[in-house]
Amino acid sequence: GVEEAQRSGDELELVHSWVVPTSWNSAYVEYLGDVQLMEDMRRDVLDEALEYARSLGGAPAGRLEQGGAAPILAERSRTANVVIVGSHATGGMARFLLGSVSHDLLLEAAGPVIVVSDNE
């Protein structure tokens, strides 16, 4: 993403989405504390990603969103020049398949999508 933003001259925005696990079934007050704790943890993940992108020479903005990754990224694709998303399918037949987020994003995106695999 950093290299693409540098090449194109576009702004770089890192988007980290998260959802409250559907299995949570706690009391309301406890639930709110758990959600805040989870959001704080997700913000830490985003901050680490921003720091890493900066170490590569990027100047990213960060966006933390609550919700499913594919719908959020599809919405962002309406104004982005390109959306870059990772896919972490494992070897063998899985390398021919996309993960659910990248697959759903390719179906819903309003603009170009680059899917990057972590398999080398």
C-alpha atoms as a PDB file:
ATOM      1  CA  GLY A   1       0.000   0.000   0.000  1.00  0.00           C
ATOM      2  CA  VAL A   2       2.825   2.390   0.853  1.00  0.00           C
ATOM      3  CA  GLU A   3       4.562   1.707  -2.454  1.00  0.00           C
ATOM      4  CA  GLU A   4       1.329   2.168  -4.423  1.00  0.00           C
ATOM      5  CA  ALA A   5       0.587   5.485  -2.690  1.00  0.00           C
ATOM      6  CA  GLN A   6       4.119   6.707  -3.360  1.00  0.00           C
ATOM      7  CA  ARG A   7       3.947   5.606  -6.995  1.00  0.00           C
ATOM      8  CA  SER A   8       0.562   7.183  -7.657  1.00  0.00           C
ATOM      9  CA  GLY A   9       0.880  10.213  -5.388  1.00  0.00           C
ATOM     10  CA  ASP A  10      -2.428   9.296  -3.723  1.00  0.00           C
ATOM     11  CA  GLU A  11      -3.130   9.593  -0.028  1.00  0.00           C
ATOM     12  CA  LEU A  12      -2.792   6.403   1.989  1.00  0.00           C
ATOM     13  CA  GLU A  13      -5.512   5.467   4.452  1.00  0.00           C
ATOM     14  CA  LEU A  14      -5.276   2.339   6.580  1.00  0.00           C
ATOM     15  CA  VAL A  15      -8.695   1.025   7.552  1.00  0.00           C
ATOM     16  CA  HIS A  16      -9.088  -1.467  10.386  1.00  0.00           C
ATOM     17  CA  SER A  17     -12.558  -2.854  10.953  1.00  0.00           C
ATOM     18  CA  TRP A  18     -13.766  -4.980  13.808  1.00  0.00           C
ATOM     19  CA  VAL A  19     -16.967  -6.566  15.013  1.00  0.00           C
ATOM     20  CA  VAL A  20     -18.300  -7.408  18.436  1.00  0.00           C
ATOM     21  CA  PRO A  21     -18.327 -11.217  18.675  1.00  0.00           C
ATOM     22  CA  THR A  22     -21.869 -12.504  18.318  1.00  0.00           C
ATOM     23  CA  SER A  23     -21.247 -15.072  21.040  1.00  0.00           C
ATOM     24  CA  TRP A  24     -20.973 -12.401  23.739  1.00  0.00           C
ATOM     25  CA  ASN A  25     -23.901 -12.698  26.092  1.00  0.00           C
ATOM     26  CA  SER A  26     -23.002 -10.678  29.161  1.00  0.00           C
ATOM     27  CA  ALA A  27     -24.822  -8.164  31.311  1.00  0.00           C
ATOM     28  CA  TYR A  28     -25.262  -4.738  29.689  1.00  0.00           C
ATOM     29  CA  VAL A  29     -22.790  -2.835  31.896  1.00  0.00           C
ATOM     30  CA  GLU A  30     -20.145  -5.536  31.586  1.00  0.00           C
ATOM     31  CA  TYR A  31     -20.807  -5.696  27.851  1.00  0.00           C
ATOM     32  CA  LEU A  32     -20.083  -1.981  27.390  1.00  0.00           C
ATOM     33  CA  GLY A  33     -16.765  -2.339  29.214  1.00  0.00           C
ATOM     34  CA  ASP A  34     -15.859  -5.347  27.067  1.00  0.00           C
ATOM     35  CA  VAL A  35     -16.691  -3.478  23.864  1.00  0.00           C
ATOM     36  CA  GLN A  36     -14.556  -0.515  24.923  1.00  0.00           C
ATOM     37  CA  LEU A  37     -11.677  -2.858  25.785  1.00  0.00           C
ATOM     38  CA  MET A  38     -11.985  -4.552  22.400  1.00  0.00           C
ATOM     39  CA  GLU A  39     -12.078  -1.188  20.609  1.00  0.00           C
ATOM     40  CA  ASP A  40      -8.952  -0.102  22.489  1.00  0.00           C
ATOM     41  CA  MET A  41      -7.206  -3.315  21.439  1.00  0.00           C
ATOM     42  CA  ARG A  42      -8.213  -2.762  17.819  1.00  0.00           C
ATOM     43  CA  ARG A  43      -6.988   0.833  17.971  1.00  0.00           C
ATOM     44  CA  ASP A  44      -3.614  -0.509  19.164  1.00  0.00           C
ATOM     45  CA  VAL A  45      -3.497  -2.814  16.122  1.00  0.00           C
ATOM     46  CA  LEU A  46      -4.241   0.141  13.841  1.00  0.00           C
ATOM     47  CA  ASP A  47      -1.604   2.286  15.553  1.00  0.00           C
ATOM     48  CA  GLU A  48       1.007  -0.451  15.024  1.00  0.00           C
ATOM     49  CA  ALA A  49       0.074  -0.676  11.339  1.00  0.00           C
ATOM     50  CA  LEU A  50       0.349   3.110  10.988  1.00  0.00           C
ATOM     51  CA  GLU A  51       3.758   3.069  12.649  1.00  0.00           C
ATOM     52  CA  TYR A  52       4.911   0.298  10.320  1.00  0.00           C
ATOM     53  CA  ALA A  53       3.684   2.162   7.215  1.00  0.00           C
ATOM     54  CA  ARG A  54       5.519   5.268   8.400  1.00  0.00           C
ATOM     55  CA  SER A  55       8.708   3.218   8.846  1.00  0.00           C
ATOM     56  CA  LEU A  56       8.429   2.344   5.144  1.00  0.00           C
ATOM     57  CA  GLY A  57       8.247   6.013   4.208  1.00  0.00           C
ATOM     58  CA  GLY A  58       4.480   6.351   4.036  1.00  0.00           C
ATOM     59  CA  ALA A  59       2.345   9.129   5.452  1.00  0.00           C
ATOM     60  CA  PRO A  60      -0.840   7.211   6.243  1.00  0.00           C
ATOM     61  CA  ALA A  61      -4.050   8.303   7.880  1.00  0.00           C
ATOM     62  CA  GLY A  62      -5.853   5.759  10.016  1.00  0.00           C
ATOM     63  CA  ARG A  63      -9.511   4.857  10.274  1.00  0.00           C
ATOM     64  CA  LEU A  64     -11.037   2.503  12.857  1.00  0.00           C
ATOM     65  CA  GLU A  65     -14.497   1.229  11.907  1.00  0.00           C
ATOM     66  CA  GLN A  66     -16.884  -1.053  13.730  1.00  0.00           C
ATOM     67  CA  GLY A  67     -18.462  -3.482  11.294  1.00  0.00           C
ATOM     68  CA  GLY A  68     -17.617  -6.134   8.752  1.00  0.00           C
ATOM     69  CA  ALA A  69     -14.469  -5.572   6.720  1.00  0.00           C
ATOM     70  CA  ALA A  70     -15.932  -6.219   3.260  1.00  0.00           C
ATOM     71  CA  PRO A  71     -18.889  -3.798   3.535  1.00  0.00           C
ATOM     72  CA  ILE A  72     -16.722  -1.092   5.089  1.00  0.00           C
ATOM     73  CA  LEU A  73     -14.034  -1.430   2.432  1.00  0.00           C
ATOM     74  CA  ALA A  74     -16.664  -1.549  -0.331  1.00  0.00           C
ATOM     75  CA  GLU A  75     -18.056   1.746   0.974  1.00  0.00           C
ATOM     76  CA  ARG A  76     -14.546   3.262   1.091  1.00  0.00           C
ATOM     77  CA  SER A  77     -14.002   2.092  -2.508  1.00  0.00           C
ATOM     78  CA  ARG A  78     -16.581   4.654  -3.640  1.00  0.00           C
ATOM     79  CA  THR A  79     -14.094   7.474  -2.996  1.00  0.00           C
ATOM     80  CA  ALA A  80     -10.733   5.663  -3.105  1.00  0.00           C
ATOM     81  CA  ASN A  81      -8.670   5.346  -6.273  1.00  0.00           C
ATOM     82  CA  VAL A  82      -7.824   1.759  -5.309  1.00  0.00           C
ATOM     83  CA  VAL A  83      -8.422  -0.542  -2.332  1.00  0.00           C
ATOM     84  CA  ILE A  84      -5.640  -2.936  -1.366  1.00  0.00           C
ATOM     85  CA  VAL A  85      -6.613  -5.890   0.791  1.00  0.00           C
ATOM     86  CA  GLY A  86      -4.665  -8.878   2.029  1.00  0.00           C
ATOM     87  CA  SER A  87      -5.668 -12.486   1.606  1.00  0.00           C
ATOM     88  CA  HIS A  88      -4.138 -15.145   3.802  1.00  0.00           C
ATOM     89  CA  ALA A  89      -5.265 -18.355   2.154  1.00  0.00           C
ATOM     90  CA  THR A  90      -2.880 -21.216   2.792  1.00  0.00           C
ATOM     91  CA  GLY A  91      -1.070 -23.370   0.218  1.00  0.00           C
ATOM     92  CA  GLY A  92      -2.417 -26.159  -1.989  1.00  0.00           C
ATOM     93  CA  MET A  93      -5.894 -25.660  -3.425  1.00  0.00           C
ATOM     94  CA  ALA A  94      -6.485 -22.717  -1.102  1.00  0.00           C
ATOM     95  CA  ARG A  95      -4.111 -20.595  -3.163  1.00  0.00           C
ATOM     96  CA  PHE A  96      -6.723 -20.627  -5.924  1.00  0.00           C
ATOM     97  CA  LEU A  97      -9.416 -19.427  -3.547  1.00  0.00           C
ATOM     98  CA  LEU A  98      -9.839 -16.034  -1.970  1.00  0.00           C
ATOM     99  CA  GLY A  99     -10.692 -15.366   1.630  1.00  0.00           C
ATOM    100  CA  SER A 100     -14.242 -14.298   2.345  1.00  0.00           C
ATOM    101  CA  VAL A 101     -13.363 -10.613   2.833  1.00  0.00           C
ATOM    102  CA  SER A 102     -11.377 -10.270  -0.392  1.00  0.00           C
ATOM    103  CA  HIS A 103     -13.989 -12.284  -2.303  1.00  0.00           C
ATOM    104  CA  ASP A 104     -16.912 -10.223  -1.003  1.00  0.00           C
ATOM    105  CA  LEU A 105     -15.005  -6.992  -1.588  1.00  0.00           C
ATOM    106  CA  LEU A 106     -14.313  -7.911  -5.211  1.00  0.00           C
ATOM    107  CA  LEU A 107     -18.040  -8.486  -5.698  1.00  0.00           C
ATOM    108  CA  GLU A 108     -19.144  -5.248  -4.002  1.00  0.00           C
ATOM    109  CA  ALA A 109     -16.382  -2.686  -4.662  1.00  0.00           C
ATOM    110  CA  ALA A 110     -17.188   0.393  -6.699  1.00  0.00           C
ATOM    111  CA  GLY A 111     -13.609   0.700  -7.958  1.00  0.00           C
ATOM    112  CA  PRO A 112     -10.356  -1.187  -8.436  1.00  0.00           C
ATOM    113  CA  VAL A 113      -9.213  -3.702  -5.819  1.00  0.00           C
ATOM    114  CA  ILE A 114      -5.757  -5.233  -5.443  1.00  0.00           C
ATOM    115  CA  VAL A 115      -5.644  -8.483  -3.471  1.00  0.00           C
ATOM    116  CA  VAL A 116      -2.244  -9.247  -1.976  1.00  0.00           C
ATOM    117  CA  SER A 117      -1.415 -12.701  -0.695  1.00  0.00           C
ATOM    118  CA  ASP A 118       0.939 -13.277   2.208  1.00  0.00           C
ATOM    119  CA  ASN A 119       2.097 -16.503   0.531  1.00  0.00           C
ATOM    120  CA  GLU A 120       5.345 -16.169  -1.305  1.00  0.00           C
END
